């Protein structure tokens, strides 16, 4: 995914969450930190696959997301 597409998606998600800001650098950094943690959690889930039905479920549980 190119940086331009990623920035567009970050903005779309921010709007969906009700976050309206002109601080694109801060928003991008926040999104980058979330993505990095998701990747680390996914790697952990992959290493312990037998315990989890899906990596997505593992990531959601890690962040306390209980609904879609």
C-alpha atoms as a PDB file:
ATOM      1  CA  UNK A   1       0.000   0.000   0.000  1.00  0.00           C
ATOM      2  CA  UNK A   2       1.426   3.327  -0.987  1.00  0.00           C
ATOM      3  CA  UNK A   3       1.806   6.146   1.490  1.00  0.00           C
ATOM      4  CA  UNK A   4      -0.821   8.193  -0.374  1.00  0.00           C
ATOM      5  CA  UNK A   5      -3.392   5.394  -0.139  1.00  0.00           C
ATOM      6  CA  UNK A   6      -2.501   4.766   3.503  1.00  0.00           C
ATOM      7  CA  UNK A   7      -2.949   8.459   4.340  1.00  0.00           C
ATOM      8  CA  UNK A   8      -6.336   8.460   2.605  1.00  0.00           C
ATOM      9  CA  UNK A   9      -7.450   5.381   4.563  1.00  0.00           C
ATOM     10  CA  UNK A  10      -6.263   6.913   7.853  1.00  0.00           C
ATOM     11  CA  UNK A  11      -8.337  10.017   7.125  1.00  0.00           C
ATOM     12  CA  UNK A  12     -11.385   7.887   6.243  1.00  0.00           C
ATOM     13  CA  UNK A  13     -11.105   5.922   9.481  1.00  0.00           C
ATOM     14  CA  UNK A  14     -10.604   9.103  11.515  1.00  0.00           C
ATOM     15  CA  UNK A  15     -13.791  10.579  10.036  1.00  0.00           C
ATOM     16  CA  UNK A  16     -15.645   7.321  10.706  1.00  0.00           C
ATOM     17  CA  UNK A  17     -14.493   7.542  14.337  1.00  0.00           C
ATOM     18  CA  UNK A  18     -15.606  11.170  14.604  1.00  0.00           C
ATOM     19  CA  UNK A  19     -12.066  12.534  14.733  1.00  0.00           C
ATOM     20  CA  UNK A  20     -11.716  15.764  12.809  1.00  0.00           C
ATOM     21  CA  UNK A  21      -8.264  17.275  12.852  1.00  0.00           C
ATOM     22  CA  UNK A  22      -5.860  19.113  10.615  1.00  0.00           C
ATOM     23  CA  UNK A  23      -2.948  17.550  12.505  1.00  0.00           C
ATOM     24  CA  UNK A  24      -2.210  14.959   9.824  1.00  0.00           C
ATOM     25  CA  UNK A  25       1.268  14.206  11.213  1.00  0.00           C
ATOM     26  CA  UNK A  26      -0.173  13.321  14.634  1.00  0.00           C
ATOM     27  CA  UNK A  27      -2.978  11.274  13.094  1.00  0.00           C
ATOM     28  CA  UNK A  28      -0.513   9.438  10.867  1.00  0.00           C
ATOM     29  CA  UNK A  29       1.811   8.710  13.815  1.00  0.00           C
ATOM     30  CA  UNK A  30      -1.102   7.398  15.889  1.00  0.00           C
ATOM     31  CA  UNK A  31      -2.209   5.129  13.042  1.00  0.00           C
ATOM     32  CA  UNK A  32       1.374   3.951  12.502  1.00  0.00           C
ATOM     33  CA  UNK A  33       1.673   2.948  16.160  1.00  0.00           C
ATOM     34  CA  UNK A  34      -1.597   1.013  16.011  1.00  0.00           C
ATOM     35  CA  UNK A  35      -0.541  -0.779  12.829  1.00  0.00           C
ATOM     36  CA  UNK A  36       2.826  -1.709  14.335  1.00  0.00           C
ATOM     37  CA  UNK A  37       1.181  -3.123  17.446  1.00  0.00           C
ATOM     38  CA  UNK A  38      -1.359  -5.030  15.347  1.00  0.00           C
ATOM     39  CA  UNK A  39       1.499  -6.556  13.349  1.00  0.00           C
ATOM     40  CA  UNK A  40       3.287  -7.598  16.542  1.00  0.00           C
ATOM     41  CA  UNK A  41       0.090  -9.116  17.939  1.00  0.00           C
ATOM     42  CA  UNK A  42      -0.565 -10.925  14.660  1.00  0.00           C
ATOM     43  CA  UNK A  43       2.957 -12.360  14.732  1.00  0.00           C
ATOM     44  CA  UNK A  44       2.339 -13.588  18.285  1.00  0.00           C
ATOM     45  CA  UNK A  45      -0.983 -15.116  17.254  1.00  0.00           C
ATOM     46  CA  UNK A  46       0.678 -16.813  14.325  1.00  0.00           C
ATOM     47  CA  UNK A  47       3.312 -18.315  16.620  1.00  0.00           C
ATOM     48  CA  UNK A  48       0.620 -19.680  18.955  1.00  0.00           C
ATOM     49  CA  UNK A  49      -1.931 -20.489  16.260  1.00  0.00           C
ATOM     50  CA  UNK A  50      -3.287 -23.610  17.936  1.00  0.00           C
ATOM     51  CA  UNK A  51      -4.826 -21.466  20.691  1.00  0.00           C
ATOM     52  CA  UNK A  52      -6.738 -19.074  18.404  1.00  0.00           C
ATOM     53  CA  UNK A  53      -9.454 -19.530  15.807  1.00  0.00           C
ATOM     54  CA  UNK A  54      -8.198 -16.571  13.825  1.00  0.00           C
ATOM     55  CA  UNK A  55      -5.537 -13.887  13.944  1.00  0.00           C
ATOM     56  CA  UNK A  56      -8.265 -11.258  13.615  1.00  0.00           C
ATOM     57  CA  UNK A  57      -9.989 -12.519  16.751  1.00  0.00           C
ATOM     58  CA  UNK A  58      -6.648 -12.505  18.584  1.00  0.00           C
ATOM     59  CA  UNK A  59      -5.971  -8.886  17.570  1.00  0.00           C
ATOM     60  CA  UNK A  60      -9.480  -7.774  18.539  1.00  0.00           C
ATOM     61  CA  UNK A  61      -9.160  -9.438  21.932  1.00  0.00           C
ATOM     62  CA  UNK A  62      -5.766  -7.790  22.468  1.00  0.00           C
ATOM     63  CA  UNK A  63      -7.325  -4.355  21.961  1.00  0.00           C
ATOM     64  CA  UNK A  64     -10.529  -5.175  23.820  1.00  0.00           C
ATOM     65  CA  UNK A  65     -12.730  -4.933  20.733  1.00  0.00           C
ATOM     66  CA  UNK A  66     -15.735  -7.152  21.306  1.00  0.00           C
ATOM     67  CA  UNK A  67     -18.007  -6.102  18.451  1.00  0.00           C
ATOM     68  CA  UNK A  68     -17.688  -5.622  14.697  1.00  0.00           C
END
